[in-house]
Amino acid sequence: MATRDAASRLFCAIDTHDLAAATELAGSLKGVVGGVKLGLEFFGAHGAAGVGAVAACGLPVFLDLKYNDIPNTVAGAVRTTAQFRPTLMTVHASGGPAMLRAAMAAAFRIADQDGHRPRVLAVTVLTSFDEDDLGAVGMSGPIPDQVRRLADLAQGCGLDGVVASAHEIGGLRAQCGGDFMIVVPGIRPAWSAADDQKRVIAPAEALRKGADVLVVGRPITKAIDPVLAARRIVEEMDAASPA
């Protein structure tokens, strides 16, 4: 796999209350990573204007707001994202089939003249969860089984892919096929700390297992030199054998 291809599969998670720092980081990473992920912490601090400011830096945006509400509300929320032209966005698979279908229908309705629309991903089981956490919220385990159940639901509702731990990639690929997108957070190179993620994996291993997109936050954003850290991760990815 070429370095350019590896870089396009790396998204940097930016969650900060400092909008100037976020836009500066996004600008510095252009051409180094494939895009930036903006989540709830960022959106809560800066709102739509903040998303627009980062999007203006020229990198693809993964809008990770994990919508989970009644179908009409989620459809309306998806439609409001058209102004940002996000590449990826998320809903919770546990929101159920009607909500998932409504989100997907809304994504198609906001496609532009070039056919661009956000690819809608279903969040399965958060990478901060372990088996005890799963049971505490009333979900049936073990985790890989629950991930596959939710992925099957999402695929049946027409979604583009899922967000899941790299430890579930093999089962998802066997079940959902090669065209179903698997986006993997909880990526930690060997030289970084795991922080609050419980099901983490190294970049090269995630790609070998079949991940399509890797999401990395603190190993890049908290580094003394974020651009150098991102390049180190891309080098690790580039060394991976194709899945």
C-alpha atoms as a PDB file:
ATOM      1  CA  MET A   1       0.000   0.000   0.000  1.00  0.00           C
ATOM      2  CA  ALA A   2       1.369   3.439  -0.872  1.00  0.00           C
ATOM      3  CA  THR A   3       1.991   6.092   1.764  1.00  0.00           C
ATOM      4  CA  ARG A   4      -0.574   8.356   0.150  1.00  0.00           C
ATOM      5  CA  ASP A   5      -3.201   5.635   0.424  1.00  0.00           C
ATOM      6  CA  ALA A   6      -2.332   5.038   4.068  1.00  0.00           C
ATOM      7  CA  ALA A   7      -2.581   8.746   4.863  1.00  0.00           C
ATOM      8  CA  SER A   8      -6.024   8.987   3.292  1.00  0.00           C
ATOM      9  CA  ARG A   9      -7.241   6.332   5.725  1.00  0.00           C
ATOM     10  CA  LEU A  10      -6.170   8.222   8.852  1.00  0.00           C
ATOM     11  CA  PHE A  11      -8.514  10.728  10.489  1.00  0.00           C
ATOM     12  CA  CYS A  12      -7.368  12.863  13.405  1.00  0.00           C
ATOM     13  CA  ALA A  13      -9.907  13.362  16.210  1.00  0.00           C
ATOM     14  CA  ILE A  14      -9.911  17.007  17.282  1.00  0.00           C
ATOM     15  CA  ASP A  15     -11.810  17.755  20.491  1.00  0.00           C
ATOM     16  CA  THR A  16     -10.807  21.051  22.017  1.00  0.00           C
ATOM     17  CA  HIS A  17     -12.418  24.171  23.455  1.00  0.00           C
ATOM     18  CA  ASP A  18      -9.841  26.297  21.641  1.00  0.00           C
ATOM     19  CA  LEU A  19     -11.171  26.942  18.134  1.00  0.00           C
ATOM     20  CA  ALA A  20      -8.005  28.726  17.003  1.00  0.00           C
ATOM     21  CA  ALA A  21      -5.942  25.708  18.058  1.00  0.00           C
ATOM     22  CA  ALA A  22      -8.349  23.380  16.233  1.00  0.00           C
ATOM     23  CA  THR A  23      -8.163  25.287  12.960  1.00  0.00           C
ATOM     24  CA  GLU A  24      -4.391  25.657  13.241  1.00  0.00           C
ATOM     25  CA  LEU A  25      -4.029  21.910  13.793  1.00  0.00           C
ATOM     26  CA  ALA A  26      -6.392  21.053  10.961  1.00  0.00           C
ATOM     27  CA  GLY A  27      -4.503  23.330   8.618  1.00  0.00           C
ATOM     28  CA  SER A  28      -1.145  21.847   9.592  1.00  0.00           C
ATOM     29  CA  LEU A  29      -2.405  18.297   8.983  1.00  0.00           C
ATOM     30  CA  LYS A  30      -3.656  18.982   5.468  1.00  0.00           C
ATOM     31  CA  GLY A  31      -1.813  16.639   3.150  1.00  0.00           C
ATOM     32  CA  VAL A  32      -0.626  14.535   6.103  1.00  0.00           C
ATOM     33  CA  VAL A  33      -3.882  12.800   7.120  1.00  0.00           C
ATOM     34  CA  GLY A  34      -7.081  11.962   5.288  1.00  0.00           C
ATOM     35  CA  GLY A  35      -9.372  14.127   7.394  1.00  0.00           C
ATOM     36  CA  VAL A  36     -10.416  15.303  10.841  1.00  0.00           C
ATOM     37  CA  LYS A  37     -13.055  13.959  13.193  1.00  0.00           C
ATOM     38  CA  LEU A  38     -15.142  16.442  15.156  1.00  0.00           C
ATOM     39  CA  GLY A  39     -17.170  15.056  18.041  1.00  0.00           C
ATOM     40  CA  LEU A  40     -19.564  16.135  20.759  1.00  0.00           C
ATOM     41  CA  GLU A  41     -17.012  17.991  22.870  1.00  0.00           C
ATOM     42  CA  PHE A  42     -15.974  20.131  19.926  1.00  0.00           C
ATOM     43  CA  PHE A  43     -19.558  20.699  18.754  1.00  0.00           C
ATOM     44  CA  GLY A  44     -20.725  21.588  22.254  1.00  0.00           C
ATOM     45  CA  ALA A  45     -18.011  24.228  22.534  1.00  0.00           C
ATOM     46  CA  HIS A  46     -18.161  25.722  19.044  1.00  0.00           C
ATOM     47  CA  GLY A  47     -21.387  24.634  17.349  1.00  0.00           C
ATOM     48  CA  ALA A  48     -22.020  24.842  13.639  1.00  0.00           C
ATOM     49  CA  ALA A  49     -19.726  27.854  13.217  1.00  0.00           C
ATOM     50  CA  GLY A  50     -16.826  25.854  14.622  1.00  0.00           C
ATOM     51  CA  VAL A  51     -17.473  22.946  12.288  1.00  0.00           C
ATOM     52  CA  GLY A  52     -17.580  25.360   9.379  1.00  0.00           C
ATOM     53  CA  ALA A  53     -14.296  26.954  10.428  1.00  0.00           C
ATOM     54  CA  VAL A  54     -12.506  23.605  10.529  1.00  0.00           C
ATOM     55  CA  ALA A  55     -14.115  22.454   7.291  1.00  0.00           C
ATOM     56  CA  ALA A  56     -12.777  25.631   5.653  1.00  0.00           C
ATOM     57  CA  CYS A  57      -9.240  24.364   6.302  1.00  0.00           C
ATOM     58  CA  GLY A  58      -9.763  21.983   3.391  1.00  0.00           C
ATOM     59  CA  LEU A  59      -9.634  18.569   5.043  1.00  0.00           C
ATOM     60  CA  PRO A  60     -12.536  16.097   4.809  1.00  0.00           C
ATOM     61  CA  VAL A  61     -14.672  16.182   7.954  1.00  0.00           C
ATOM     62  CA  PHE A  62     -15.961  13.207   9.910  1.00  0.00           C
ATOM     63  CA  LEU A  63     -18.855  14.632  11.946  1.00  0.00           C
ATOM     64  CA  ASP A  64     -19.118  12.215  14.867  1.00  0.00           C
ATOM     65  CA  LEU A  65     -22.209  13.366  16.785  1.00  0.00           C
ATOM     66  CA  LYS A  66     -23.690   9.867  17.253  1.00  0.00           C
ATOM     67  CA  TYR A  67     -27.306  10.852  16.689  1.00  0.00           C
ATOM     68  CA  ASN A  68     -29.829   8.784  18.652  1.00  0.00           C
ATOM     69  CA  ASP A  69     -33.402  10.077  18.781  1.00  0.00           C
ATOM     70  CA  ILE A  70     -36.785   9.575  17.160  1.00  0.00           C
ATOM     71  CA  PRO A  71     -36.567   9.088  13.359  1.00  0.00           C
ATOM     72  CA  ASN A  72     -37.901  12.513  12.372  1.00  0.00           C
ATOM     73  CA  THR A  73     -35.509  14.335  14.686  1.00  0.00           C
ATOM     74  CA  VAL A  74     -32.499  12.388  13.451  1.00  0.00           C
ATOM     75  CA  ALA A  75     -33.487  12.945   9.820  1.00  0.00           C
ATOM     76  CA  GLY A  76     -33.693  16.677  10.477  1.00  0.00           C
ATOM     77  CA  ALA A  77     -30.299  16.646  12.183  1.00  0.00           C
ATOM     78  CA  VAL A  78     -28.752  14.854   9.206  1.00  0.00           C
ATOM     79  CA  ARG A  79     -30.208  17.421   6.807  1.00  0.00           C
ATOM     80  CA  THR A  80     -28.614  20.275   8.758  1.00  0.00           C
ATOM     81  CA  THR A  81     -25.170  18.830   8.031  1.00  0.00           C
ATOM     82  CA  ALA A  82     -25.446  19.559   4.304  1.00  0.00           C
ATOM     83  CA  GLN A  83     -23.782  22.953   4.775  1.00  0.00           C
ATOM     84  CA  PHE A  84     -20.573  21.261   5.964  1.00  0.00           C
ATOM     85  CA  ARG A  85     -20.384  18.577   3.273  1.00  0.00           C
ATOM     86  CA  PRO A  86     -19.109  15.997   5.785  1.00  0.00           C
ATOM     87  CA  THR A  87     -17.464  12.917   4.382  1.00  0.00           C
ATOM     88  CA  LEU A  88     -18.618  10.710   7.262  1.00  0.00           C
ATOM     89  CA  MET A  89     -21.192  11.025  10.040  1.00  0.00           C
ATOM     90  CA  THR A  90     -22.524   8.781  12.790  1.00  0.00           C
ATOM     91  CA  VAL A  91     -25.745   7.566  14.338  1.00  0.00           C
ATOM     92  CA  HIS A  92     -26.202   4.955  17.067  1.00  0.00           C
ATOM     93  CA  ALA A  93     -27.194   1.553  15.733  1.00  0.00           C
ATOM     94  CA  SER A  94     -29.168   1.044  18.937  1.00  0.00           C
ATOM     95  CA  GLY A  95     -31.549   3.781  17.774  1.00  0.00           C
ATOM     96  CA  GLY A  96     -33.402   1.083  15.858  1.00  0.00           C
ATOM     97  CA  PRO A  97     -34.364   0.352  12.258  1.00  0.00           C
ATOM     98  CA  ALA A  98     -36.791   3.233  11.706  1.00  0.00           C
ATOM     99  CA  MET A  99     -34.233   5.763  12.886  1.00  0.00           C
ATOM    100  CA  LEU A 100     -31.450   4.220  10.815  1.00  0.00           C
ATOM    101  CA  ARG A 101     -33.552   4.240   7.654  1.00  0.00           C
ATOM    102  CA  ALA A 102     -34.618   7.850   8.286  1.00  0.00           C
ATOM    103  CA  ALA A 103     -30.981   8.912   8.670  1.00  0.00           C
ATOM    104  CA  MET A 104     -30.011   7.199   5.447  1.00  0.00           C
ATOM    105  CA  ALA A 105     -32.929   8.667   3.510  1.00  0.00           C
ATOM    106  CA  ALA A 106     -32.001  12.151   4.745  1.00  0.00           C
ATOM    107  CA  ALA A 107     -28.384  11.639   3.666  1.00  0.00           C
ATOM    108  CA  PHE A 108     -29.517  10.830   0.129  1.00  0.00           C
ATOM    109  CA  ARG A 109     -31.797  13.876   0.063  1.00  0.00           C
ATOM    110  CA  ILE A 110     -28.898  16.232   0.803  1.00  0.00           C
ATOM    111  CA  ALA A 111     -26.671  14.858  -1.966  1.00  0.00           C
ATOM    112  CA  ASP A 112     -25.339  17.714  -4.081  1.00  0.00           C
ATOM    113  CA  GLN A 113     -25.237  17.983  -7.861  1.00  0.00           C
ATOM    114  CA  ASP A 114     -22.036  15.963  -7.930  1.00  0.00           C
ATOM    115  CA  GLY A 115     -23.720  13.179  -5.992  1.00  0.00           C
ATOM    116  CA  HIS A 116     -21.723  13.902  -2.838  1.00  0.00           C
ATOM    117  CA  ARG A 117     -23.446  12.895   0.367  1.00  0.00           C
ATOM    118  CA  PRO A 118     -22.160  11.963   3.797  1.00  0.00           C
ATOM    119  CA  ARG A 119     -21.503   8.279   4.336  1.00  0.00           C
ATOM    120  CA  VAL A 120     -23.583   7.298   7.337  1.00  0.00           C
ATOM    121  CA  LEU A 121     -21.974   5.000   9.885  1.00  0.00           C
ATOM    122  CA  ALA A 122     -23.642   3.173  12.760  1.00  0.00           C
ATOM    123  CA  VAL A 123     -21.898   3.175  16.117  1.00  0.00           C
ATOM    124  CA  THR A 124     -22.038  -0.356  17.510  1.00  0.00           C
ATOM    125  CA  VAL A 125     -20.383  -0.756  20.943  1.00  0.00           C
ATOM    126  CA  LEU A 126     -18.220   2.078  22.238  1.00  0.00           C
ATOM    127  CA  THR A 127     -14.541   1.238  22.521  1.00  0.00           C
ATOM    128  CA  SER A 128     -14.619   2.408  26.157  1.00  0.00           C
ATOM    129  CA  PHE A 129     -16.922  -0.540  26.970  1.00  0.00           C
ATOM    130  CA  ASP A 130     -15.879  -3.882  28.386  1.00  0.00           C
ATOM    131  CA  GLU A 131     -18.147  -6.864  29.127  1.00  0.00           C
ATOM    132  CA  ASP A 132     -19.209  -5.461  32.505  1.00  0.00           C
ATOM    133  CA  ASP A 133     -20.209  -2.158  30.933  1.00  0.00           C
ATOM    134  CA  LEU A 134     -22.260  -3.935  28.289  1.00  0.00           C
ATOM    135  CA  GLY A 135     -24.256  -5.825  30.887  1.00  0.00           C
ATOM    136  CA  ALA A 136     -24.731  -2.699  33.001  1.00  0.00           C
ATOM    137  CA  VAL A 137     -26.710  -1.047  30.200  1.00  0.00           C
ATOM    138  CA  GLY A 138     -28.805  -4.143  29.540  1.00  0.00           C
ATOM    139  CA  MET A 139     -27.136  -5.329  26.348  1.00  0.00           C
ATOM    140  CA  SER A 140     -26.457  -8.982  25.666  1.00  0.00           C
ATOM    141  CA  GLY A 141     -22.854 -10.047  25.346  1.00  0.00           C
ATOM    142  CA  PRO A 142     -20.271 -11.010  24.629  1.00  0.00           C
ATOM    143  CA  ILE A 143     -19.209  -7.791  22.922  1.00  0.00           C
ATOM    144  CA  PRO A 144     -18.351  -9.327  19.512  1.00  0.00           C
ATOM    145  CA  ASP A 145     -21.831 -10.858  19.276  1.00  0.00           C
ATOM    146  CA  GLN A 146     -23.524  -7.556  20.099  1.00  0.00           C
ATOM    147  CA  VAL A 147     -21.351  -5.740  17.563  1.00  0.00           C
ATOM    148  CA  ARG A 148     -22.317  -8.212  14.847  1.00  0.00           C
ATOM    149  CA  ARG A 149     -26.014  -7.953  15.713  1.00  0.00           C
ATOM    150  CA  LEU A 150     -25.940  -4.174  15.448  1.00  0.00           C
ATOM    151  CA  ALA A 151     -23.857  -4.266  12.261  1.00  0.00           C
ATOM    152  CA  ASP A 152     -26.356  -6.656  10.684  1.00  0.00           C
ATOM    153  CA  LEU A 153     -29.159  -4.247  11.586  1.00  0.00           C
ATOM    154  CA  ALA A 154     -27.266  -1.277  10.141  1.00  0.00           C
ATOM    155  CA  GLN A 155     -26.424  -3.051   6.908  1.00  0.00           C
ATOM    156  CA  GLY A 156     -30.004  -4.217   6.524  1.00  0.00           C
ATOM    157  CA  CYS A 157     -31.148  -0.604   6.850  1.00  0.00           C
ATOM    158  CA  GLY A 158     -28.803   0.511   4.061  1.00  0.00           C
ATOM    159  CA  LEU A 159     -26.118   2.267   6.066  1.00  0.00           C
ATOM    160  CA  ASP A 160     -22.632   2.604   4.625  1.00  0.00           C
ATOM    161  CA  GLY A 161     -20.749   1.018   7.482  1.00  0.00           C
ATOM    162  CA  VAL A 162     -20.074   0.878  11.185  1.00  0.00           C
ATOM    163  CA  VAL A 163     -17.795   2.217  13.857  1.00  0.00           C
ATOM    164  CA  ALA A 164     -16.355  -0.677  15.842  1.00  0.00           C
ATOM    165  CA  SER A 165     -13.315  -1.832  17.736  1.00  0.00           C
ATOM    166  CA  ALA A 166     -10.583  -3.408  15.648  1.00  0.00           C
ATOM    167  CA  HIS A 167     -11.030  -6.591  17.660  1.00  0.00           C
ATOM    168  CA  GLU A 168     -14.357  -7.140  15.914  1.00  0.00           C
ATOM    169  CA  ILE A 169     -13.127  -6.539  12.349  1.00  0.00           C
ATOM    170  CA  GLY A 170     -12.706 -10.176  11.373  1.00  0.00           C
ATOM    171  CA  GLY A 171     -16.218 -11.148  12.360  1.00  0.00           C
ATOM    172  CA  LEU A 172     -17.680  -8.062  10.698  1.00  0.00           C
ATOM    173  CA  ARG A 173     -15.858  -8.689   7.426  1.00  0.00           C
ATOM    174  CA  ALA A 174     -17.048 -12.290   7.317  1.00  0.00           C
ATOM    175  CA  GLN A 175     -20.618 -11.236   8.016  1.00  0.00           C
ATOM    176  CA  CYS A 176     -20.960  -7.981   6.078  1.00  0.00           C
ATOM    177  CA  GLY A 177     -18.529  -8.383   3.160  1.00  0.00           C
ATOM    178  CA  GLY A 178     -15.754  -6.244   1.793  1.00  0.00           C
ATOM    179  CA  ASP A 179     -17.822  -3.245   0.668  1.00  0.00           C
ATOM    180  CA  PHE A 180     -19.204  -2.428   4.127  1.00  0.00           C
ATOM    181  CA  MET A 181     -17.057   0.312   5.681  1.00  0.00           C
ATOM    182  CA  ILE A 182     -15.412  -0.352   9.033  1.00  0.00           C
ATOM    183  CA  VAL A 183     -14.130   2.730  10.853  1.00  0.00           C
ATOM    184  CA  VAL A 184     -11.982   1.988  13.885  1.00  0.00           C
ATOM    185  CA  PRO A 185     -11.329   4.288  16.846  1.00  0.00           C
ATOM    186  CA  GLY A 186      -9.203   3.292  19.810  1.00  0.00           C
ATOM    187  CA  ILE A 187      -6.065   3.239  17.678  1.00  0.00           C
ATOM    188  CA  ARG A 188      -2.925   3.562  19.738  1.00  0.00           C
ATOM    189  CA  PRO A 189       0.599   3.237  18.333  1.00  0.00           C
ATOM    190  CA  ALA A 190       3.033   1.386  20.580  1.00  0.00           C
ATOM    191  CA  TRP A 191       4.643   4.633  21.721  1.00  0.00           C
ATOM    192  CA  SER A 192       1.398   6.158  23.103  1.00  0.00           C
ATOM    193  CA  ALA A 193      -0.800   5.626  26.177  1.00  0.00           C
ATOM    194  CA  ALA A 194      -4.171   3.835  26.013  1.00  0.00           C
ATOM    195  CA  ASP A 195      -5.919   6.573  28.073  1.00  0.00           C
ATOM    196  CA  ASP A 196      -9.613   5.654  28.696  1.00  0.00           C
ATOM    197  CA  GLN A 197      -9.948   3.267  25.765  1.00  0.00           C
ATOM    198  CA  LYS A 198     -10.254  -0.387  26.823  1.00  0.00           C
ATOM    199  CA  ARG A 199     -10.201  -2.137  23.446  1.00  0.00           C
ATOM    200  CA  VAL A 200      -7.262  -0.589  21.618  1.00  0.00           C
ATOM    201  CA  ILE A 201      -5.021  -1.779  18.802  1.00  0.00           C
ATOM    202  CA  ALA A 202      -1.966  -0.642  16.849  1.00  0.00           C
ATOM    203  CA  PRO A 203      -2.440   1.020  13.427  1.00  0.00           C
ATOM    204  CA  ALA A 204      -0.736  -1.627  11.290  1.00  0.00           C
ATOM    205  CA  GLU A 205      -2.595  -4.472  12.973  1.00  0.00           C
ATOM    206  CA  ALA A 206      -5.939  -2.740  12.444  1.00  0.00           C
ATOM    207  CA  LEU A 207      -5.258  -2.416   8.722  1.00  0.00           C
ATOM    208  CA  ARG A 208      -4.127  -6.018   8.435  1.00  0.00           C
ATOM    209  CA  LYS A 209      -7.412  -7.091   9.992  1.00  0.00           C
ATOM    210  CA  GLY A 210      -9.316  -5.134   7.349  1.00  0.00           C
ATOM    211  CA  ALA A 211     -10.131  -1.685   8.760  1.00  0.00           C
ATOM    212  CA  ASP A 212     -10.996   0.973   6.189  1.00  0.00           C
ATOM    213  CA  VAL A 213     -10.426   4.136   8.252  1.00  0.00           C
ATOM    214  CA  LEU A 214      -8.492   4.624  11.494  1.00  0.00           C
ATOM    215  CA  VAL A 215      -9.306   7.379  13.969  1.00  0.00           C
ATOM    216  CA  VAL A 216      -6.500   8.690  16.179  1.00  0.00           C
ATOM    217  CA  GLY A 217      -6.840  11.524  18.663  1.00  0.00           C
ATOM    218  CA  ARG A 218      -4.536  12.135  21.602  1.00  0.00           C
ATOM    219  CA  PRO A 219      -1.422  10.436  20.194  1.00  0.00           C
ATOM    220  CA  ILE A 220      -1.514  13.211  17.566  1.00  0.00           C
ATOM    221  CA  THR A 221      -3.205  16.139  19.293  1.00  0.00           C
ATOM    222  CA  LYS A 222      -1.232  15.877  22.548  1.00  0.00           C
ATOM    223  CA  ALA A 223       2.099  15.295  20.854  1.00  0.00           C
ATOM    224  CA  ILE A 224       4.811  17.948  21.040  1.00  0.00           C
ATOM    225  CA  ASP A 225       4.850  17.873  17.239  1.00  0.00           C
ATOM    226  CA  PRO A 226       1.404  16.710  15.996  1.00  0.00           C
ATOM    227  CA  VAL A 227       2.454  16.645  12.348  1.00  0.00           C
ATOM    228  CA  LEU A 228       5.444  14.436  13.120  1.00  0.00           C
ATOM    229  CA  ALA A 229       3.249  12.144  15.234  1.00  0.00           C
ATOM    230  CA  ALA A 230       0.739  11.824  12.395  1.00  0.00           C
ATOM    231  CA  ARG A 231       3.527  11.012   9.951  1.00  0.00           C
ATOM    232  CA  ARG A 232       4.848   8.319  12.302  1.00  0.00           C
ATOM    233  CA  ILE A 233       1.401   6.724  12.405  1.00  0.00           C
ATOM    234  CA  VAL A 234       1.117   6.858   8.612  1.00  0.00           C
ATOM    235  CA  GLU A 235       4.506   5.144   8.381  1.00  0.00           C
ATOM    236  CA  GLU A 236       3.193   2.377  10.637  1.00  0.00           C
ATOM    237  CA  MET A 237       0.087   2.064   8.491  1.00  0.00           C
ATOM    238  CA  ASP A 238       2.135   2.052   5.315  1.00  0.00           C
ATOM    239  CA  ALA A 239       4.110  -0.919   6.599  1.00  0.00           C
ATOM    240  CA  ALA A 240       0.952  -3.020   6.986  1.00  0.00           C
ATOM    241  CA  SER A 241       0.208  -5.737   4.503  1.00  0.00           C
ATOM    242  CA  PRO A 242      -3.050  -5.304   2.582  1.00  0.00           C
ATOM    243  CA  ALA A 243      -6.024  -6.896   4.328  1.00  0.00           C
END
